[in-house]
PDB file of N, CA and C in Angstrom:
ATOM      1  N   MET A   1      97.463 104.503  76.325  1.00  0.00           N
ATOM      2  CA  MET A   1      98.453 104.476  75.172  1.00  0.00           C
ATOM      3  C   MET A   1      99.442 105.254  75.160  1.00  0.00           C
ATOM      4  N   GLY A   2      99.373 106.370  76.364  1.00  0.00           N
ATOM      5  CA  GLY A   2     100.423 107.361  75.621  1.00  0.00           C
ATOM      6  C   GLY A   2     100.663 107.843  74.733  1.00  0.00           C
ATOM      7  N   ARG A   3      99.449 108.310  73.553  1.00  0.00           N
ATOM      8  CA  ARG A   3      99.457 108.909  72.781  1.00  0.00           C
ATOM      9  C   ARG A   3      98.965 110.479  73.025  1.00  0.00           C
ATOM     10  N   HIS A   4      98.531 111.111  74.233  1.00  0.00           N
ATOM     11  CA  HIS A   4      98.525 112.297  74.488  1.00  0.00           C
ATOM     12  C   HIS A   4      98.369 112.145  75.832  1.00  0.00           C
ATOM     13  N   LYS A   5      98.470 113.707  75.841  1.00  0.00           N
ATOM     14  CA  LYS A   5      98.118 113.823  77.853  1.00  0.00           C
ATOM     15  C   LYS A   5      97.193 115.164  77.723  1.00  0.00           C
ATOM     16  N   LYS A   6      96.189 115.029  77.309  1.00  0.00           N
ATOM     17  CA  LYS A   6      95.276 116.171  76.866  1.00  0.00           C
ATOM     18  C   LYS A   6      94.401 115.865  78.163  1.00  0.00           C
ATOM     19  N   PRO A   7      93.685 116.865  78.790  1.00  0.00           N
ATOM     20  CA  PRO A   7      92.686 116.695  79.960  1.00  0.00           C
ATOM     21  C   PRO A   7      91.280 116.342  79.466  1.00  0.00           C
ATOM     22  N   ILE A   8      90.520 115.305  79.578  1.00  0.00           N
ATOM     23  CA  ILE A   8      89.706 114.970  79.266  1.00  0.00           C
ATOM     24  C   ILE A   8      88.242 115.364  79.911  1.00  0.00           C
ATOM     25  N   LEU A   9      87.312 116.203  79.507  1.00  0.00           N
ATOM     26  CA  LEU A   9      86.477 116.959  80.497  1.00  0.00           C
ATOM     27  C   LEU A   9      85.094 116.363  79.853  1.00  0.00           C
ATOM     28  N   LEU A  10      83.825 115.659  80.726  1.00  0.00           N
ATOM     29  CA  LEU A  10      82.684 115.303  80.353  1.00  0.00           C
ATOM     30  C   LEU A  10      81.628 116.143  81.281  1.00  0.00           C
ATOM     31  N   ALA A  11      80.481 116.914  80.237  1.00  0.00           N
ATOM     32  CA  ALA A  11      79.887 117.818  81.525  1.00  0.00           C
ATOM     33  C   ALA A  11      78.569 116.496  81.343  1.00  0.00           C
ATOM     34  N   ASN A  12      78.677 116.061  82.706  1.00  0.00           N
ATOM     35  CA  ASN A  12      77.604 115.065  83.192  1.00  0.00           C
ATOM     36  C   ASN A  12      76.152 115.821  83.659  1.00  0.00           C
ATOM     37  N   ILE A  13      75.881 116.876  82.506  1.00  0.00           N
ATOM     38  CA  ILE A  13      74.409 117.390  82.895  1.00  0.00           C
ATOM     39  C   ILE A  13      73.703 116.232  82.887  1.00  0.00           C
ATOM     40  N   ASP A  14      72.537 116.291  84.190  1.00  0.00           N
ATOM     41  CA  ASP A  14      71.635 115.311  84.115  1.00  0.00           C
ATOM     42  C   ASP A  14      72.141 114.161  84.054  1.00  0.00           C
ATOM     43  N   ASN A  15      73.294 113.582  84.895  1.00  0.00           N
ATOM     44  CA  ASN A  15      73.639 112.407  84.536  1.00  0.00           C
ATOM     45  C   ASN A  15      73.759 111.908  83.339  1.00  0.00           C
ATOM     46  N   PHE A  16      74.220 112.387  82.223  1.00  0.00           N
ATOM     47  CA  PHE A  16      73.924 112.040  80.987  1.00  0.00           C
ATOM     48  C   PHE A  16      74.968 111.223  80.671  1.00  0.00           C
ATOM     49  N   TRP A  17      76.528 111.179  81.235  1.00  0.00           N
ATOM     50  CA  TRP A  17      77.379 110.279  81.239  1.00  0.00           C
ATOM     51  C   TRP A  17      77.413 109.222  82.053  1.00  0.00           C
ATOM     52  N   GLN A  18      76.213 108.917  82.843  1.00  0.00           N
ATOM     53  CA  GLN A  18      76.375 107.791  83.764  1.00  0.00           C
ATOM     54  C   GLN A  18      76.746 106.723  83.575  1.00  0.00           C
ATOM     55  N   PRO A  19      76.059 106.338  82.463  1.00  0.00           N
ATOM     56  CA  PRO A  19      76.381 104.676  81.704  1.00  0.00           C
ATOM     57  C   PRO A  19      77.377 104.784  81.217  1.00  0.00           C
ATOM     58  N   LEU A  20      78.430 105.557  80.925  1.00  0.00           N
ATOM     59  CA  LEU A  20      79.474 105.369  80.342  1.00  0.00           C
ATOM     60  C   LEU A  20      80.928 105.101  81.776  1.00  0.00           C
ATOM     61  N   PHE A  21      80.339 105.941  82.670  1.00  0.00           N
ATOM     62  CA  PHE A  21      81.201 105.819  84.025  1.00  0.00           C
ATOM     63  C   PHE A  21      80.862 104.338  84.611  1.00  0.00           C
ATOM     64  N   ALA A  22      79.531 103.942  84.486  1.00  0.00           N
ATOM     65  CA  ALA A  22      79.371 102.550  85.148  1.00  0.00           C
ATOM     66  C   ALA A  22      79.907 101.813  84.355  1.00  0.00           C
ATOM     67  N   LEU A  23      80.478 101.921  82.779  1.00  0.00           N
ATOM     68  CA  LEU A  23      81.058 100.853  82.057  1.00  0.00           C
ATOM     69  C   LEU A  23      82.213 100.759  82.478  1.00  0.00           C
ATOM     70  N   ILE A  24      83.293 102.073  82.558  1.00  0.00           N
ATOM     71  CA  ILE A  24      84.344 102.450  82.808  1.00  0.00           C
ATOM     72  C   ILE A  24      85.023 101.699  84.255  1.00  0.00           C
ATOM     73  N   ASP A  25      83.845 102.098  85.083  1.00  0.00           N
ATOM     74  CA  ASP A  25      84.247 101.403  86.308  1.00  0.00           C
ATOM     75  C   ASP A  25      84.323  99.671  86.568  1.00  0.00           C
ATOM     76  N   TYR A  26      83.239  99.125  85.744  1.00  0.00           N
ATOM     77  CA  TYR A  26      83.483  97.546  85.689  1.00  0.00           C
ATOM     78  C   TYR A  26      84.825  97.088  84.557  1.00  0.00           C
ATOM     79  N   LEU A  27      84.941  98.001  83.593  1.00  0.00           N
ATOM     80  CA  LEU A  27      86.446  97.673  82.853  1.00  0.00           C
ATOM     81  C   LEU A  27      87.368  97.679  83.954  1.00  0.00           C
ATOM     82  N   ARG A  28      87.477  98.868  85.145  1.00  0.00           N
ATOM     83  CA  ARG A  28      88.835  98.837  85.565  1.00  0.00           C
ATOM     84  C   ARG A  28      88.734  97.555  86.584  1.00  0.00           C
ATOM     85  N   ALA A  29      87.467  97.443  87.511  1.00  0.00           N
ATOM     86  CA  ALA A  29      87.382  96.257  87.967  1.00  0.00           C
ATOM     87  C   ALA A  29      87.939  95.055  87.542  1.00  0.00           C
ATOM     88  N   THR A  30      87.470  94.633  86.283  1.00  0.00           N
ATOM     89  CA  THR A  30      87.792  93.603  85.969  1.00  0.00           C
ATOM     90  C   THR A  30      89.023  93.586  85.108  1.00  0.00           C
ATOM     91  N   GLU A  31      89.782  94.703  85.394  1.00  0.00           N
ATOM     92  CA  GLU A  31      91.669  94.951  85.051  1.00  0.00           C
ATOM     93  C   GLU A  31      91.336  94.710  83.598  1.00  0.00           C
ATOM     94  N   PHE A  32      90.507  94.630  82.582  1.00  0.00           N
ATOM     95  CA  PHE A  32      90.321  95.297  80.971  1.00  0.00           C
ATOM     96  C   PHE A  32      91.099  96.466  80.761  1.00  0.00           C
ATOM     97  N   ILE A  33      90.921  97.584  81.662  1.00  0.00           N
ATOM     98  CA  ILE A  33      92.023  98.642  81.440  1.00  0.00           C
ATOM     99  C   ILE A  33      93.024  98.744  82.507  1.00  0.00           C
ATOM    100  N   CYS A  34      94.112  98.604  81.721  1.00  0.00           N
ATOM    101  CA  CYS A  34      95.421  98.767  82.477  1.00  0.00           C
ATOM    102  C   CYS A  34      95.775  99.752  83.096  1.00  0.00           C
ATOM    103  N   PRO A  35      95.801  99.754  84.648  1.00  0.00           N
ATOM    104  CA  PRO A  35      95.767 101.267  85.167  1.00  0.00           C
ATOM    105  C   PRO A  35      97.136 102.007  84.517  1.00  0.00           C
ATOM    106  N   SER A  36      98.036 101.850  84.011  1.00  0.00           N
ATOM    107  CA  SER A  36      99.047 102.781  83.474  1.00  0.00           C
ATOM    108  C   SER A  36      98.342 103.612  82.373  1.00  0.00           C
ATOM    109  N   HIS A  37      97.573 102.580  81.618  1.00  0.00           N
ATOM    110  CA  HIS A  37      97.055 103.374  80.420  1.00  0.00           C
ATOM    111  C   HIS A  37      95.733 104.246  80.644  1.00  0.00           C
ATOM    112  N   ASP A  38      95.457 104.111  81.969  1.00  0.00           N
ATOM    113  CA  ASP A  38      93.959 104.675  82.772  1.00  0.00           C
ATOM    114  C   ASP A  38      94.054 106.345  82.232  1.00  0.00           C
ATOM    115  N   VAL A  39      93.233 106.675  81.713  1.00  0.00           N
ATOM    116  CA  VAL A  39      93.126 108.272  81.145  1.00  0.00           C
ATOM    117  C   VAL A  39      92.173 109.011  82.715  1.00  0.00           C
ATOM    118  N   GLY A  40      92.598 109.828  82.868  1.00  0.00           N
ATOM    119  CA  GLY A  40      91.736 110.562  84.245  1.00  0.00           C
ATOM    120  C   GLY A  40      90.464 111.443  83.453  1.00  0.00           C
ATOM    121  N   ILE A  41      89.532 111.033  83.711  1.00  0.00           N
ATOM    122  CA  ILE A  41      88.566 112.053  83.398  1.00  0.00           C
ATOM    123  C   ILE A  41      87.648 112.718  84.088  1.00  0.00           C
ATOM    124  N   GLN A  42      87.928 113.945  83.740  1.00  0.00           N
ATOM    125  CA  GLN A  42      87.516 114.969  84.898  1.00  0.00           C
ATOM    126  C   GLN A  42      85.531 115.016  84.599  1.00  0.00           C
ATOM    127  N   ILE A  43      84.907 115.014  85.188  1.00  0.00           N
ATOM    128  CA  ILE A  43      83.397 115.520  85.259  1.00  0.00           C
ATOM    129  C   ILE A  43      82.841 116.721  85.741  1.00  0.00           C
ATOM    130  N   ALA A  44      82.249 117.057  84.990  1.00  0.00           N
ATOM    131  CA  ALA A  44      81.822 118.698  85.622  1.00  0.00           C
ATOM    132  C   ALA A  44      79.825 118.441  85.589  1.00  0.00           C
ATOM    133  N   ASP A  45      79.536 118.341  86.663  1.00  0.00           N
ATOM    134  CA  ASP A  45      78.185 117.741  86.907  1.00  0.00           C
ATOM    135  C   ASP A  45      77.222 119.250  86.393  1.00  0.00           C
ATOM    136  N   ASP A  46      77.406 120.469  86.486  1.00  0.00           N
ATOM    137  CA  ASP A  46      77.361 121.719  86.406  1.00  0.00           C
ATOM    138  C   ASP A  46      77.877 122.362  85.517  1.00  0.00           C
ATOM    139  N   VAL A  47      77.256 123.138  84.493  1.00  0.00           N
ATOM    140  CA  VAL A  47      77.373 123.937  83.301  1.00  0.00           C
ATOM    141  C   VAL A  47      78.425 125.023  84.070  1.00  0.00           C
ATOM    142  N   GLU A  48      78.086 125.424  85.033  1.00  0.00           N
ATOM    143  CA  GLU A  48      79.419 126.538  85.538  1.00  0.00           C
ATOM    144  C   GLU A  48      80.580 126.206  85.722  1.00  0.00           C
ATOM    145  N   ASP A  49      80.659 124.615  86.131  1.00  0.00           N
ATOM    146  CA  ASP A  49      81.730 124.232  86.257  1.00  0.00           C
ATOM    147  C   ASP A  49      83.102 123.574  85.151  1.00  0.00           C
ATOM    148  N   ILE A  50      82.304 123.728  83.870  1.00  0.00           N
ATOM    149  CA  ILE A  50      83.257 123.967  82.859  1.00  0.00           C
ATOM    150  C   ILE A  50      84.253 124.341  82.672  1.00  0.00           C
ATOM    151  N   VAL A  51      84.417 125.671  82.306  1.00  0.00           N
ATOM    152  CA  VAL A  51      85.212 126.367  82.436  1.00  0.00           C
ATOM    153  C   VAL A  51      86.143 126.574  83.093  1.00  0.00           C
ATOM    154  N   PRO A  52      86.300 126.540  84.289  1.00  0.00           N
ATOM    155  CA  PRO A  52      87.111 126.289  85.739  1.00  0.00           C
ATOM    156  C   PRO A  52      87.661 125.512  85.519  1.00  0.00           C
ATOM    157  N   ARG A  53      87.334 124.060  85.135  1.00  0.00           N
ATOM    158  CA  ARG A  53      88.160 122.592  85.483  1.00  0.00           C
ATOM    159  C   ARG A  53      88.801 122.698  84.128  1.00  0.00           C
ATOM    160  N   LEU A  54      88.292 123.169  82.774  1.00  0.00           N
ATOM    161  CA  LEU A  54      89.076 123.454  81.775  1.00  0.00           C
ATOM    162  C   LEU A  54      90.601 124.323  82.200  1.00  0.00           C
ATOM    163  N   ARG A  55      90.063 125.639  82.996  1.00  0.00           N
ATOM    164  CA  ARG A  55      91.127 126.138  83.330  1.00  0.00           C
ATOM    165  C   ARG A  55      92.309 125.582  83.967  1.00  0.00           C
ATOM    166  N   ALA A  56      92.025 124.774  85.173  1.00  0.00           N
ATOM    167  CA  ALA A  56      92.502 124.010  86.165  1.00  0.00           C
ATOM    168  C   ALA A  56      93.420 122.935  85.499  1.00  0.00           C
ATOM    169  N   ALA A  57      92.914 122.033  84.330  1.00  0.00           N
ATOM    170  CA  ALA A  57      93.758 121.160  83.562  1.00  0.00           C
ATOM    171  C   ALA A  57      94.482 121.794  82.440  1.00  0.00           C
ATOM    172  N   ILE A  58      94.311 122.823  81.859  1.00  0.00           N
ATOM    173  CA  ILE A  58      95.544 123.361  81.134  1.00  0.00           C
ATOM    174  C   ILE A  58      96.431 124.145  82.113  1.00  0.00           C
ATOM    175  N   LYS A  59      96.254 124.598  83.320  1.00  0.00           N
ATOM    176  CA  LYS A  59      97.518 124.876  84.419  1.00  0.00           C
ATOM    177  C   LYS A  59      98.396 123.863  84.495  1.00  0.00           C
ATOM    178  N   ARG A  60      97.779 122.899  84.801  1.00  0.00           N
ATOM    179  CA  ARG A  60      98.312 121.341  85.081  1.00  0.00           C
ATOM    180  C   ARG A  60      99.075 120.611  84.114  1.00  0.00           C
ATOM    181  N   CYS A  61      98.909 120.786  83.154  1.00  0.00           N
ATOM    182  CA  CYS A  61      99.697 120.462  81.869  1.00  0.00           C
ATOM    183  C   CYS A  61     100.718 121.091  81.402  1.00  0.00           C
ATOM    184  N   ARG A  62     100.822 122.378  81.699  1.00  0.00           N
ATOM    185  CA  ARG A  62     101.553 123.569  81.678  1.00  0.00           C
ATOM    186  C   ARG A  62     102.778 123.328  82.914  1.00  0.00           C
ATOM    187  N   ASN A  63     102.492 123.399  83.799  1.00  0.00           N
ATOM    188  CA  ASN A  63     103.478 123.035  85.070  1.00  0.00           C
ATOM    189  C   ASN A  63     103.843 121.825  84.450  1.00  0.00           C
ATOM    190  N   ALA A  64     103.518 120.688  84.210  1.00  0.00           N
ATOM    191  CA  ALA A  64     104.043 119.442  83.725  1.00  0.00           C
ATOM    192  C   ALA A  64     105.121 119.575  82.859  1.00  0.00           C
ATOM    193  N   LEU A  65     104.839 120.230  81.991  1.00  0.00           N
ATOM    194  CA  LEU A  65     105.532 120.538  80.510  1.00  0.00           C
ATOM    195  C   LEU A  65     106.498 121.035  81.323  1.00  0.00           C
ATOM    196  N   THR A  66     106.757 122.033  81.939  1.00  0.00           N
ATOM    197  CA  THR A  66     107.748 123.154  82.495  1.00  0.00           C
ATOM    198  C   THR A  66     108.806 122.275  83.635  1.00  0.00           C
ATOM    199  N   GLU A  67     108.489 121.426  84.186  1.00  0.00           N
ATOM    200  CA  GLU A  67     109.017 120.464  84.980  1.00  0.00           C
ATOM    201  C   GLU A  67     110.088 119.523  84.707  1.00  0.00           C
ATOM    202  N   ARG A  68     109.555 119.073  82.910  1.00  0.00           N
ATOM    203  CA  ARG A  68     110.534 118.555  82.445  1.00  0.00           C
ATOM    204  C   ARG A  68     111.876 118.603  82.397  1.00  0.00           C
TER     205      ARG A  68
END
């Protein structure tokens, strides 16, 4: 819906969020989620991946802001 551009990261430890990912895939496949409104969800399968992924997402957001 364009309300924000903040990154979304889910810690999928022991596949906790796998049912949600399956639902999102289904909603995309049936075109219930409009591609232009799709939000890129980042997935961290290990605790060690969380902070580096968040830092990379923040850097991408800052770069996008300076390109405007």
